[in-house]
Amino acid sequence: MMRRLLCSFLIFAASPLAAADDFDITAIVETHVVPRYEMLAGQTQALAREASVGCSAAAPDTAPGLLSAYHAAFDAWVGVGHLRFGPSEQDDRAFALAFWPDPRGSTPKALAGLVKSRDAAVNAPDEFAEISVAARGFYALEFLLFDAQFAQPRDAAYRCALIQAVTKDISSNAAAILAGWQNGYGALMSNPGNDTYRTPAEAAKQLFTALSTGLEFTSLTRLGRPMGTYDRPRPNRAEARRSERSLRHVLLSLAATRELTELISAGNEAVDKAFADAIQRAEALDDPTLAGVADPQGRFRVEVLQQSIDVIRRILSQEIGPELGIAAGFNSLDGD
């Protein structure tokens, strides 16, 4: 889904990109991108370590250290979820970390298949890395830790081994993404004039696209999926609802994209005010799983939040983009 969003949000030059030549790409890489991937690598390493020592075959979901590490690592992923380009796209690492949305229910099916067959891939990281992405990453781990389907006593020992395999795989992918940024990709972006980024304008467009797409994903997918339609709301489609992280992801993503926006927009007061408004509305929801979309009044509050995020997107498109010599093109997800 995220890849489709990236493809659908077309970016093109509206004028000679003189502004992009002054765009401080190096500062963004060094203060926003790399530190956040360092956080992800560190937190996922801690998660794998907790799973290896704290996963009890009797009750893996009751180890407090494991659950705390799960939340910290998932937080770190959401903080880089908008930066899905470069090393995170290589070898489908981002999809292996975060296979969602999952409209066909592939994750529980894939996990159930592993459990039923007692697939030995859990004992070999290289083999586990070749299984379906639906059975890997944070959303698979959420099922294993929080869904009753995978809490059968007869499956406890294998479930624990599967949790350990998933967390090791998560940590390995996070480390690989960070290494990619530190060992070449960051330099390619910071010093355009190469086959990846021929000009500063191309690097600037990549970052602007990531920012715009991250906000679009929060509005149309994180909020839009559980909202469904007025006559048929879909609260069970909320992201990470089993671990009560749905609203948390909205807030974390807004904080991360706000940071990137500040680095890009150089203190644009309108967009800063719009972010503050959206974050205030999200915090006021007090609805961890967005279950309120099933109620007319609750749905209205989520709609208002969605609209406030779309205000940010509009300011980026109409004010900040043109200042950089970048304009948003046709976006089929908007129905234009």
C-alpha atoms as a PDB file:
ATOM      1  CA  MET A   1       0.000   0.000   0.000  1.00  0.00           C
ATOM      2  CA  MET A   2       2.764   2.439   0.942  1.00  0.00           C
ATOM      3  CA  ARG A   3       4.563   1.748  -2.333  1.00  0.00           C
ATOM      4  CA  ARG A   4       1.346   2.475  -4.212  1.00  0.00           C
ATOM      5  CA  LEU A   5       0.986   5.743  -2.320  1.00  0.00           C
ATOM      6  CA  LEU A   6       4.501   6.746  -3.311  1.00  0.00           C
ATOM      7  CA  CYS A   7       3.815   5.987  -6.936  1.00  0.00           C
ATOM      8  CA  SER A   8       0.535   7.873  -6.928  1.00  0.00           C
ATOM      9  CA  PHE A   9       1.931  11.072  -5.459  1.00  0.00           C
ATOM     10  CA  LEU A  10       3.681  12.546  -8.484  1.00  0.00           C
ATOM     11  CA  ILE A  11       6.184  15.334  -7.961  1.00  0.00           C
ATOM     12  CA  PHE A  12       7.467  17.533 -10.714  1.00  0.00           C
ATOM     13  CA  ALA A  13       9.376  20.787 -11.099  1.00  0.00           C
ATOM     14  CA  ALA A  14       7.145  23.823 -11.310  1.00  0.00           C
ATOM     15  CA  SER A  15      10.011  26.179 -12.098  1.00  0.00           C
ATOM     16  CA  PRO A  16      13.811  26.155 -12.139  1.00  0.00           C
ATOM     17  CA  LEU A  17      14.685  24.730  -8.744  1.00  0.00           C
ATOM     18  CA  ALA A  18      16.934  27.503  -7.455  1.00  0.00           C
ATOM     19  CA  ALA A  19      15.396  27.121  -4.000  1.00  0.00           C
ATOM     20  CA  ALA A  20      16.314  23.458  -3.890  1.00  0.00           C
ATOM     21  CA  ASP A  21      19.974  24.390  -4.371  1.00  0.00           C
ATOM     22  CA  ASP A  22      19.840  26.044  -0.938  1.00  0.00           C
ATOM     23  CA  PHE A  23      17.988  23.122   0.619  1.00  0.00           C
ATOM     24  CA  ASP A  24      20.065  21.806   3.544  1.00  0.00           C
ATOM     25  CA  ILE A  25      19.830  18.144   2.698  1.00  0.00           C
ATOM     26  CA  THR A  26      22.844  17.233   4.803  1.00  0.00           C
ATOM     27  CA  ALA A  27      21.219  18.660   7.935  1.00  0.00           C
ATOM     28  CA  ILE A  28      18.060  16.636   7.300  1.00  0.00           C
ATOM     29  CA  VAL A  29      20.031  13.428   6.796  1.00  0.00           C
ATOM     30  CA  GLU A  30      22.190  14.007   9.864  1.00  0.00           C
ATOM     31  CA  THR A  31      19.559  15.317  12.282  1.00  0.00           C
ATOM     32  CA  HIS A  32      16.354  13.620  11.159  1.00  0.00           C
ATOM     33  CA  VAL A  33      16.933  10.528   9.052  1.00  0.00           C
ATOM     34  CA  VAL A  34      20.014   8.834  10.500  1.00  0.00           C
ATOM     35  CA  PRO A  35      19.231   9.478  14.201  1.00  0.00           C
ATOM     36  CA  ARG A  36      15.776   8.000  13.771  1.00  0.00           C
ATOM     37  CA  TYR A  37      17.137   4.905  12.071  1.00  0.00           C
ATOM     38  CA  GLU A  38      19.758   4.650  14.815  1.00  0.00           C
ATOM     39  CA  MET A  39      16.915   4.670  17.310  1.00  0.00           C
ATOM     40  CA  LEU A  40      15.110   1.965  15.355  1.00  0.00           C
ATOM     41  CA  ALA A  41      18.213  -0.220  15.183  1.00  0.00           C
ATOM     42  CA  GLY A  42      18.870   0.172  18.897  1.00  0.00           C
ATOM     43  CA  GLN A  43      15.306  -0.471  19.999  1.00  0.00           C
ATOM     44  CA  THR A  44      14.858  -3.490  17.741  1.00  0.00           C
ATOM     45  CA  GLN A  45      18.115  -4.967  18.989  1.00  0.00           C
ATOM     46  CA  ALA A  46      16.788  -4.560  22.530  1.00  0.00           C
ATOM     47  CA  LEU A  47      13.519  -6.180  21.433  1.00  0.00           C
ATOM     48  CA  ALA A  48      15.320  -9.226  20.031  1.00  0.00           C
ATOM     49  CA  ARG A  49      17.389  -9.477  23.190  1.00  0.00           C
ATOM     50  CA  GLU A  50      14.290  -9.350  25.404  1.00  0.00           C
ATOM     51  CA  ALA A  51      12.612 -12.034  23.300  1.00  0.00           C
ATOM     52  CA  SER A  52      15.643 -14.293  23.567  1.00  0.00           C
ATOM     53  CA  VAL A  53      15.798 -14.102  27.365  1.00  0.00           C
ATOM     54  CA  GLY A  54      12.284 -13.123  28.417  1.00  0.00           C
ATOM     55  CA  CYS A  55      10.052 -15.212  26.197  1.00  0.00           C
ATOM     56  CA  SER A  56       8.597 -17.940  28.352  1.00  0.00           C
ATOM     57  CA  ALA A  57       7.091 -20.867  26.496  1.00  0.00           C
ATOM     58  CA  ALA A  58       4.404 -20.968  29.143  1.00  0.00           C
ATOM     59  CA  ALA A  59       3.260 -17.376  28.699  1.00  0.00           C
ATOM     60  CA  PRO A  60       5.340 -15.256  26.272  1.00  0.00           C
ATOM     61  CA  ASP A  61       2.874 -12.396  26.373  1.00  0.00           C
ATOM     62  CA  THR A  62       3.261 -11.847  30.124  1.00  0.00           C
ATOM     63  CA  ALA A  63       6.962 -10.918  30.119  1.00  0.00           C
ATOM     64  CA  PRO A  64       6.887  -7.197  30.980  1.00  0.00           C
ATOM     65  CA  GLY A  65      10.319  -6.564  29.485  1.00  0.00           C
ATOM     66  CA  LEU A  66       9.266  -8.071  26.169  1.00  0.00           C
ATOM     67  CA  LEU A  67       6.075  -6.030  25.957  1.00  0.00           C
ATOM     68  CA  SER A  68       7.880  -2.804  26.861  1.00  0.00           C
ATOM     69  CA  ALA A  69      10.522  -3.521  24.233  1.00  0.00           C
ATOM     70  CA  TYR A  70       7.794  -4.245  21.669  1.00  0.00           C
ATOM     71  CA  HIS A  71       6.197  -0.849  22.232  1.00  0.00           C
ATOM     72  CA  ALA A  72       9.514   1.024  22.197  1.00  0.00           C
ATOM     73  CA  ALA A  73      10.646  -0.648  18.980  1.00  0.00           C
ATOM     74  CA  PHE A  74       7.274  -0.143  17.292  1.00  0.00           C
ATOM     75  CA  ASP A  75       7.377   3.532  18.309  1.00  0.00           C
ATOM     76  CA  ALA A  76      10.773   3.830  16.638  1.00  0.00           C
ATOM     77  CA  TRP A  77       9.449   2.257  13.438  1.00  0.00           C
ATOM     78  CA  VAL A  78       6.520   4.671  13.223  1.00  0.00           C
ATOM     79  CA  GLY A  79       9.058   7.478  13.635  1.00  0.00           C
ATOM     80  CA  VAL A  80      10.724   6.458  10.351  1.00  0.00           C
ATOM     81  CA  GLY A  81       7.669   5.079   8.569  1.00  0.00           C
ATOM     82  CA  HIS A  82       7.508   8.122   6.300  1.00  0.00           C
ATOM     83  CA  LEU A  83      11.112   7.585   5.129  1.00  0.00           C
ATOM     84  CA  ARG A  84      10.379   4.600   2.913  1.00  0.00           C
ATOM     85  CA  PHE A  85      12.969   5.067   0.204  1.00  0.00           C
ATOM     86  CA  GLY A  86      16.556   4.066  -0.353  1.00  0.00           C
ATOM     87  CA  PRO A  87      17.856   1.376   2.043  1.00  0.00           C
ATOM     88  CA  SER A  88      14.408   0.697   3.506  1.00  0.00           C
ATOM     89  CA  GLU A  89      13.104  -0.284   0.071  1.00  0.00           C
ATOM     90  CA  GLN A  90      16.056  -2.531  -0.758  1.00  0.00           C
ATOM     91  CA  ASP A  91      15.181  -6.209  -0.421  1.00  0.00           C
ATOM     92  CA  ASP A  92      11.647  -5.154   0.606  1.00  0.00           C
ATOM     93  CA  ARG A  93      12.929  -4.384   4.110  1.00  0.00           C
ATOM     94  CA  ALA A  94      10.178  -1.902   4.904  1.00  0.00           C
ATOM     95  CA  PHE A  95       7.497  -4.394   3.933  1.00  0.00           C
ATOM     96  CA  ALA A  96       9.211  -7.069   6.006  1.00  0.00           C
ATOM     97  CA  LEU A  97       9.087  -4.699   8.977  1.00  0.00           C
ATOM     98  CA  ALA A  98       5.587  -3.373   8.436  1.00  0.00           C
ATOM     99  CA  PHE A  99       3.196  -5.355   6.284  1.00  0.00           C
ATOM    100  CA  TRP A 100       0.072  -3.259   6.730  1.00  0.00           C
ATOM    101  CA  PRO A 101      -2.643  -2.654   5.674  1.00  0.00           C
ATOM    102  CA  ASP A 102      -3.486  -6.295   5.171  1.00  0.00           C
ATOM    103  CA  PRO A 103      -6.948  -6.336   3.531  1.00  0.00           C
ATOM    104  CA  ARG A 104      -6.889 -10.088   2.876  1.00  0.00           C
ATOM    105  CA  GLY A 105      -5.879 -11.099   6.383  1.00  0.00           C
ATOM    106  CA  SER A 106      -2.636 -12.613   5.124  1.00  0.00           C
ATOM    107  CA  THR A 107      -0.729 -12.152   8.379  1.00  0.00           C
ATOM    108  CA  PRO A 108      -2.828 -14.379  10.670  1.00  0.00           C
ATOM    109  CA  LYS A 109      -3.121 -16.960   7.884  1.00  0.00           C
ATOM    110  CA  ALA A 110       0.626 -17.051   7.318  1.00  0.00           C
ATOM    111  CA  LEU A 111       1.347 -17.260  11.038  1.00  0.00           C
ATOM    112  CA  ALA A 112      -1.223 -19.994  11.536  1.00  0.00           C
ATOM    113  CA  GLY A 113       0.412 -21.969   8.752  1.00  0.00           C
ATOM    114  CA  LEU A 114       3.804 -21.725  10.420  1.00  0.00           C
ATOM    115  CA  VAL A 115       2.383 -22.760  13.775  1.00  0.00           C
ATOM    116  CA  LYS A 116       0.435 -25.675  12.349  1.00  0.00           C
ATOM    117  CA  SER A 117       3.391 -27.089  10.443  1.00  0.00           C
ATOM    118  CA  ARG A 118       5.930 -26.194  13.135  1.00  0.00           C
ATOM    119  CA  ASP A 119       8.018 -24.763  10.317  1.00  0.00           C
ATOM    120  CA  ALA A 120      11.715 -25.149  11.142  1.00  0.00           C
ATOM    121  CA  ALA A 121      12.533 -21.791   9.499  1.00  0.00           C
ATOM    122  CA  VAL A 122      12.224 -20.248  12.965  1.00  0.00           C
ATOM    123  CA  ASN A 123      15.568 -21.864  13.781  1.00  0.00           C
ATOM    124  CA  ALA A 124      17.423 -20.450  10.770  1.00  0.00           C
ATOM    125  CA  PRO A 125      17.451 -16.647  10.273  1.00  0.00           C
ATOM    126  CA  ASP A 126      18.414 -16.939   6.597  1.00  0.00           C
ATOM    127  CA  GLU A 127      15.470 -19.246   5.943  1.00  0.00           C
ATOM    128  CA  PHE A 128      13.083 -17.135   7.982  1.00  0.00           C
ATOM    129  CA  ALA A 129      14.050 -14.089   5.919  1.00  0.00           C
ATOM    130  CA  GLU A 130      12.681 -15.896   2.851  1.00  0.00           C
ATOM    131  CA  ILE A 131       9.178 -16.590   4.170  1.00  0.00           C
ATOM    132  CA  SER A 132       6.216 -14.371   3.349  1.00  0.00           C
ATOM    133  CA  VAL A 133       6.499 -10.794   4.601  1.00  0.00           C
ATOM    134  CA  ALA A 134       2.999 -11.285   6.011  1.00  0.00           C
ATOM    135  CA  ALA A 135       4.480 -13.492   8.748  1.00  0.00           C
ATOM    136  CA  ARG A 136       7.311 -11.084   9.560  1.00  0.00           C
ATOM    137  CA  GLY A 137       7.655  -7.694  11.179  1.00  0.00           C
ATOM    138  CA  PHE A 138       5.794  -5.698  13.780  1.00  0.00           C
ATOM    139  CA  TYR A 139       2.258  -6.577  12.746  1.00  0.00           C
ATOM    140  CA  ALA A 140       2.997 -10.300  12.824  1.00  0.00           C
ATOM    141  CA  LEU A 141       4.577  -9.834  16.241  1.00  0.00           C
ATOM    142  CA  GLU A 142       1.468  -8.024  17.438  1.00  0.00           C
ATOM    143  CA  PHE A 143      -0.676 -11.024  16.518  1.00  0.00           C
ATOM    144  CA  LEU A 144       1.678 -13.357  18.353  1.00  0.00           C
ATOM    145  CA  LEU A 145       1.675 -11.232  21.503  1.00  0.00           C
ATOM    146  CA  PHE A 146      -1.886  -9.964  21.636  1.00  0.00           C
ATOM    147  CA  ASP A 147      -4.245 -12.183  19.632  1.00  0.00           C
ATOM    148  CA  ALA A 148      -6.022 -15.042  21.402  1.00  0.00           C
ATOM    149  CA  GLN A 149      -5.774 -17.166  18.250  1.00  0.00           C
ATOM    150  CA  PHE A 150      -2.081 -17.674  19.011  1.00  0.00           C
ATOM    151  CA  ALA A 151      -2.397 -18.211  22.757  1.00  0.00           C
ATOM    152  CA  GLN A 152      -3.225 -21.925  22.703  1.00  0.00           C
ATOM    153  CA  PRO A 153      -1.229 -23.809  25.376  1.00  0.00           C
ATOM    154  CA  ARG A 154      -0.347 -26.586  22.943  1.00  0.00           C
ATOM    155  CA  ASP A 155       1.404 -24.045  20.709  1.00  0.00           C
ATOM    156  CA  ALA A 156       3.261 -22.183  23.456  1.00  0.00           C
ATOM    157  CA  ALA A 157       6.761 -23.535  22.825  1.00  0.00           C
ATOM    158  CA  TYR A 158       6.627 -22.996  19.059  1.00  0.00           C
ATOM    159  CA  ARG A 159       4.975 -19.616  19.529  1.00  0.00           C
ATOM    160  CA  CYS A 160       7.887 -18.552  21.696  1.00  0.00           C
ATOM    161  CA  ALA A 161      10.374 -19.722  19.066  1.00  0.00           C
ATOM    162  CA  LEU A 162       8.393 -17.834  16.431  1.00  0.00           C
ATOM    163  CA  ILE A 163       8.417 -14.655  18.514  1.00  0.00           C
ATOM    164  CA  GLN A 164      12.185 -14.948  18.803  1.00  0.00           C
ATOM    165  CA  ALA A 165      12.556 -15.514  15.061  1.00  0.00           C
ATOM    166  CA  VAL A 166      10.343 -12.517  14.225  1.00  0.00           C
ATOM    167  CA  THR A 167      12.211 -10.185  16.580  1.00  0.00           C
ATOM    168  CA  LYS A 168      15.618 -11.289  15.268  1.00  0.00           C
ATOM    169  CA  ASP A 169      14.388 -10.667  11.728  1.00  0.00           C
ATOM    170  CA  ILE A 170      13.073  -7.230  12.694  1.00  0.00           C
ATOM    171  CA  SER A 171      16.402  -6.325  14.274  1.00  0.00           C
ATOM    172  CA  SER A 172      18.354  -7.605  11.270  1.00  0.00           C
ATOM    173  CA  ASN A 173      16.323  -5.514   8.831  1.00  0.00           C
ATOM    174  CA  ALA A 174      16.568  -2.400  10.970  1.00  0.00           C
ATOM    175  CA  ALA A 175      20.343  -2.812  11.234  1.00  0.00           C
ATOM    176  CA  ALA A 176      20.619  -3.287   7.470  1.00  0.00           C
ATOM    177  CA  ILE A 177      18.659  -0.106   6.774  1.00  0.00           C
ATOM    178  CA  LEU A 178      20.839   1.905   9.149  1.00  0.00           C
ATOM    179  CA  ALA A 179      23.995   0.465   7.610  1.00  0.00           C
ATOM    180  CA  GLY A 180      22.728   1.455   4.182  1.00  0.00           C
ATOM    181  CA  TRP A 181      22.306   5.061   5.287  1.00  0.00           C
ATOM    182  CA  GLN A 182      25.612   5.214   7.127  1.00  0.00           C
ATOM    183  CA  ASN A 183      27.679   3.423   4.496  1.00  0.00           C
ATOM    184  CA  GLY A 184      26.799   5.236   1.333  1.00  0.00           C
ATOM    185  CA  TYR A 185      23.202   6.275   0.841  1.00  0.00           C
ATOM    186  CA  GLY A 186      23.393   9.249   3.192  1.00  0.00           C
ATOM    187  CA  ALA A 187      26.372  10.560   1.248  1.00  0.00           C
ATOM    188  CA  LEU A 188      24.565  10.069  -2.057  1.00  0.00           C
ATOM    189  CA  MET A 189      21.668  12.191  -0.842  1.00  0.00           C
ATOM    190  CA  SER A 190      23.815  14.818   0.882  1.00  0.00           C
ATOM    191  CA  ASN A 191      26.145  15.215  -2.100  1.00  0.00           C
ATOM    192  CA  PRO A 192      24.039  15.141  -5.286  1.00  0.00           C
ATOM    193  CA  GLY A 193      25.768  14.637  -8.590  1.00  0.00           C
ATOM    194  CA  ASN A 194      25.573  10.869  -8.723  1.00  0.00           C
ATOM    195  CA  ASP A 195      23.429   8.241 -10.425  1.00  0.00           C
ATOM    196  CA  THR A 196      20.899   8.242  -7.549  1.00  0.00           C
ATOM    197  CA  TYR A 197      20.510  12.015  -7.134  1.00  0.00           C
ATOM    198  CA  ARG A 198      21.829  13.973 -10.063  1.00  0.00           C
ATOM    199  CA  THR A 199      20.950  17.372  -8.607  1.00  0.00           C
ATOM    200  CA  PRO A 200      20.006  18.917  -5.245  1.00  0.00           C
ATOM    201  CA  ALA A 201      16.511  19.317  -6.702  1.00  0.00           C
ATOM    202  CA  GLU A 202      16.113  15.552  -7.018  1.00  0.00           C
ATOM    203  CA  ALA A 203      17.160  14.984  -3.413  1.00  0.00           C
ATOM    204  CA  ALA A 204      14.833  17.752  -2.245  1.00  0.00           C
ATOM    205  CA  LYS A 205      11.942  16.223  -4.171  1.00  0.00           C
ATOM    206  CA  GLN A 206      12.596  12.835  -2.583  1.00  0.00           C
ATOM    207  CA  LEU A 207      12.353  14.271   0.917  1.00  0.00           C
ATOM    208  CA  PHE A 208       9.311  16.362   0.073  1.00  0.00           C
ATOM    209  CA  THR A 209       7.618  13.309  -1.419  1.00  0.00           C
ATOM    210  CA  ALA A 210       8.371  11.281   1.719  1.00  0.00           C
ATOM    211  CA  LEU A 211       6.875  14.020   3.880  1.00  0.00           C
ATOM    212  CA  SER A 212       3.745  14.404   1.764  1.00  0.00           C
ATOM    213  CA  THR A 213       3.209  10.669   1.479  1.00  0.00           C
ATOM    214  CA  GLY A 214       3.659  10.136   5.209  1.00  0.00           C
ATOM    215  CA  LEU A 215       0.905  12.626   5.961  1.00  0.00           C
ATOM    216  CA  GLU A 216      -1.298  11.141   3.256  1.00  0.00           C
ATOM    217  CA  PHE A 217      -0.865   7.667   4.738  1.00  0.00           C
ATOM    218  CA  THR A 218      -1.909   8.892   8.178  1.00  0.00           C
ATOM    219  CA  SER A 219      -4.972  10.678   6.833  1.00  0.00           C
ATOM    220  CA  LEU A 220      -6.259   8.207   4.273  1.00  0.00           C
ATOM    221  CA  THR A 221      -5.100   4.905   5.740  1.00  0.00           C
ATOM    222  CA  ARG A 222      -4.501   5.184   9.485  1.00  0.00           C
ATOM    223  CA  LEU A 223      -7.709   7.180   9.901  1.00  0.00           C
ATOM    224  CA  GLY A 224      -9.575   6.420   6.696  1.00  0.00           C
ATOM    225  CA  ARG A 225      -9.560   2.628   6.958  1.00  0.00           C
ATOM    226  CA  PRO A 226     -11.272   2.372  10.366  1.00  0.00           C
ATOM    227  CA  MET A 227     -13.665   5.177   9.431  1.00  0.00           C
ATOM    228  CA  GLY A 228     -14.959   3.218   6.456  1.00  0.00           C
ATOM    229  CA  THR A 229     -18.220   4.886   5.472  1.00  0.00           C
ATOM    230  CA  TYR A 230     -20.846   6.558   7.619  1.00  0.00           C
ATOM    231  CA  ASP A 231     -23.207   3.612   7.159  1.00  0.00           C
ATOM    232  CA  ARG A 232     -20.468   1.047   7.560  1.00  0.00           C
ATOM    233  CA  PRO A 233     -17.638   2.098   9.869  1.00  0.00           C
ATOM    234  CA  ARG A 234     -14.773  -0.407  10.177  1.00  0.00           C
ATOM    235  CA  PRO A 235     -13.176  -0.006  13.630  1.00  0.00           C
ATOM    236  CA  ASN A 236     -11.603  -3.472  13.386  1.00  0.00           C
ATOM    237  CA  ARG A 237      -9.470  -2.176  10.531  1.00  0.00           C
ATOM    238  CA  ALA A 238      -7.628   0.235  12.793  1.00  0.00           C
ATOM    239  CA  GLU A 239      -3.875  -0.122  12.756  1.00  0.00           C
ATOM    240  CA  ALA A 240      -2.342  -2.123  15.625  1.00  0.00           C
ATOM    241  CA  ARG A 241      -5.629  -2.094  17.542  1.00  0.00           C
ATOM    242  CA  ARG A 242      -4.848  -5.340  19.372  1.00  0.00           C
ATOM    243  CA  SER A 243      -2.067  -3.627  21.280  1.00  0.00           C
ATOM    244  CA  GLU A 244      -4.084  -0.385  21.501  1.00  0.00           C
ATOM    245  CA  ARG A 245      -1.636   1.593  19.383  1.00  0.00           C
ATOM    246  CA  SER A 246      -3.944   3.012  16.679  1.00  0.00           C
ATOM    247  CA  LEU A 247      -4.104   6.597  17.920  1.00  0.00           C
ATOM    248  CA  ARG A 248      -0.534   6.382  19.178  1.00  0.00           C
ATOM    249  CA  HIS A 249       0.645   5.820  15.603  1.00  0.00           C
ATOM    250  CA  VAL A 250      -1.201   8.906  14.429  1.00  0.00           C
ATOM    251  CA  LEU A 251       0.493  11.006  17.101  1.00  0.00           C
ATOM    252  CA  LEU A 252       3.952   9.528  16.531  1.00  0.00           C
ATOM    253  CA  SER A 253       3.707  10.023  12.787  1.00  0.00           C
ATOM    254  CA  LEU A 254       2.536  13.602  13.188  1.00  0.00           C
ATOM    255  CA  ALA A 255       5.480  14.313  15.484  1.00  0.00           C
ATOM    256  CA  ALA A 256       7.957  12.797  13.025  1.00  0.00           C
ATOM    257  CA  THR A 257       6.556  14.553   9.963  1.00  0.00           C
ATOM    258  CA  ARG A 258       6.362  17.804  11.892  1.00  0.00           C
ATOM    259  CA  GLU A 259      10.086  17.541  12.614  1.00  0.00           C
ATOM    260  CA  LEU A 260      10.853  16.991   8.945  1.00  0.00           C
ATOM    261  CA  THR A 261       8.534  19.818   7.944  1.00  0.00           C
ATOM    262  CA  GLU A 262      10.343  22.230  10.255  1.00  0.00           C
ATOM    263  CA  LEU A 263      13.630  21.332   8.590  1.00  0.00           C
ATOM    264  CA  ILE A 264      12.127  21.794   5.142  1.00  0.00           C
ATOM    265  CA  SER A 265       9.892  24.823   5.656  1.00  0.00           C
ATOM    266  CA  ALA A 266      12.243  27.080   7.635  1.00  0.00           C
ATOM    267  CA  GLY A 267       9.644  28.256  10.134  1.00  0.00           C
ATOM    268  CA  ASN A 268       6.477  28.517   8.072  1.00  0.00           C
ATOM    269  CA  GLU A 269       3.975  29.725  10.675  1.00  0.00           C
ATOM    270  CA  ALA A 270       0.899  28.430   8.865  1.00  0.00           C
ATOM    271  CA  VAL A 271       2.108  24.852   8.695  1.00  0.00           C
ATOM    272  CA  ASP A 272       3.387  24.923  12.267  1.00  0.00           C
ATOM    273  CA  LYS A 273      -0.015  26.096  13.465  1.00  0.00           C
ATOM    274  CA  ALA A 274      -1.720  23.402  11.399  1.00  0.00           C
ATOM    275  CA  PHE A 275       0.463  20.704  12.947  1.00  0.00           C
ATOM    276  CA  ALA A 276      -0.234  22.036  16.442  1.00  0.00           C
ATOM    277  CA  ASP A 277      -3.966  21.937  15.734  1.00  0.00           C
ATOM    278  CA  ALA A 278      -3.857  18.374  14.380  1.00  0.00           C
ATOM    279  CA  ILE A 279      -1.801  17.097  17.319  1.00  0.00           C
ATOM    280  CA  GLN A 280      -4.102  18.810  19.812  1.00  0.00           C
ATOM    281  CA  ARG A 281      -7.146  17.211  18.190  1.00  0.00           C
ATOM    282  CA  ALA A 282      -5.492  13.790  18.181  1.00  0.00           C
ATOM    283  CA  GLU A 283      -4.525  14.039  21.842  1.00  0.00           C
ATOM    284  CA  ALA A 284      -8.070  15.092  22.733  1.00  0.00           C
ATOM    285  CA  LEU A 285      -9.564  11.957  21.161  1.00  0.00           C
ATOM    286  CA  ASP A 286      -8.559   9.718  24.076  1.00  0.00           C
ATOM    287  CA  ASP A 287      -9.480   6.715  21.938  1.00  0.00           C
ATOM    288  CA  PRO A 288      -6.471   4.350  21.702  1.00  0.00           C
ATOM    289  CA  THR A 289      -8.022   1.976  19.157  1.00  0.00           C
ATOM    290  CA  LEU A 290     -10.163   4.522  17.279  1.00  0.00           C
ATOM    291  CA  ALA A 291     -13.195   2.451  18.214  1.00  0.00           C
ATOM    292  CA  GLY A 292     -15.180   5.681  18.435  1.00  0.00           C
ATOM    293  CA  VAL A 293     -15.593   5.715  14.640  1.00  0.00           C
ATOM    294  CA  ALA A 294     -18.529   3.361  15.177  1.00  0.00           C
ATOM    295  CA  ASP A 295     -20.389   6.122  17.004  1.00  0.00           C
ATOM    296  CA  PRO A 296     -21.619   9.199  15.059  1.00  0.00           C
ATOM    297  CA  GLN A 297     -20.131  11.673  17.512  1.00  0.00           C
ATOM    298  CA  GLY A 298     -16.854   9.763  17.713  1.00  0.00           C
ATOM    299  CA  ARG A 299     -16.713   9.506  13.948  1.00  0.00           C
ATOM    300  CA  PHE A 300     -17.199  13.255  13.643  1.00  0.00           C
ATOM    301  CA  ARG A 301     -14.188  13.885  15.895  1.00  0.00           C
ATOM    302  CA  VAL A 302     -12.014  11.568  13.811  1.00  0.00           C
ATOM    303  CA  GLU A 303     -13.236  13.264  10.623  1.00  0.00           C
ATOM    304  CA  VAL A 304     -12.232  16.635  12.046  1.00  0.00           C
ATOM    305  CA  LEU A 305      -8.795  15.237  12.869  1.00  0.00           C
ATOM    306  CA  GLN A 306      -8.476  13.880   9.353  1.00  0.00           C
ATOM    307  CA  GLN A 307      -9.457  17.256   7.935  1.00  0.00           C
ATOM    308  CA  SER A 308      -6.850  18.987  10.100  1.00  0.00           C
ATOM    309  CA  ILE A 309      -4.149  16.710   8.688  1.00  0.00           C
ATOM    310  CA  ASP A 310      -5.385  17.473   5.187  1.00  0.00           C
ATOM    311  CA  VAL A 311      -4.917  21.162   5.955  1.00  0.00           C
ATOM    312  CA  ILE A 312      -1.231  20.420   6.556  1.00  0.00           C
ATOM    313  CA  ARG A 313      -1.049  18.576   3.263  1.00  0.00           C
ATOM    314  CA  ARG A 314      -2.673  21.488   1.467  1.00  0.00           C
ATOM    315  CA  ILE A 315      -0.223  24.003   2.924  1.00  0.00           C
ATOM    316  CA  LEU A 316       2.685  21.811   1.885  1.00  0.00           C
ATOM    317  CA  SER A 317       1.322  21.531  -1.626  1.00  0.00           C
ATOM    318  CA  GLN A 318       0.288  25.145  -2.123  1.00  0.00           C
ATOM    319  CA  GLU A 319       2.863  27.088  -0.114  1.00  0.00           C
ATOM    320  CA  ILE A 320       5.962  25.165   0.859  1.00  0.00           C
ATOM    321  CA  GLY A 321       6.323  23.072  -2.281  1.00  0.00           C
ATOM    322  CA  PRO A 322       6.248  26.071  -4.634  1.00  0.00           C
ATOM    323  CA  GLU A 323       8.796  27.865  -2.446  1.00  0.00           C
ATOM    324  CA  LEU A 324      11.138  24.974  -3.162  1.00  0.00           C
ATOM    325  CA  GLY A 325      10.212  24.900  -6.821  1.00  0.00           C
ATOM    326  CA  ILE A 326       8.239  21.694  -6.232  1.00  0.00           C
ATOM    327  CA  ALA A 327       4.564  21.235  -6.999  1.00  0.00           C
ATOM    328  CA  ALA A 328       2.225  18.359  -6.213  1.00  0.00           C
ATOM    329  CA  GLY A 329       0.775  16.730  -9.273  1.00  0.00           C
ATOM    330  CA  PHE A 330      -2.282  14.583  -9.792  1.00  0.00           C
ATOM    331  CA  ASN A 331      -2.983  12.245  -6.921  1.00  0.00           C
ATOM    332  CA  SER A 332      -5.511   9.535  -7.687  1.00  0.00           C
ATOM    333  CA  LEU A 333      -6.078   8.883  -3.976  1.00  0.00           C
ATOM    334  CA  ASP A 334      -7.619  12.321  -3.648  1.00  0.00           C
ATOM    335  CA  GLY A 335     -10.084  11.536  -6.422  1.00  0.00           C
ATOM    336  CA  ASP A 336      -9.037  14.617  -8.392  1.00  0.00           C
END
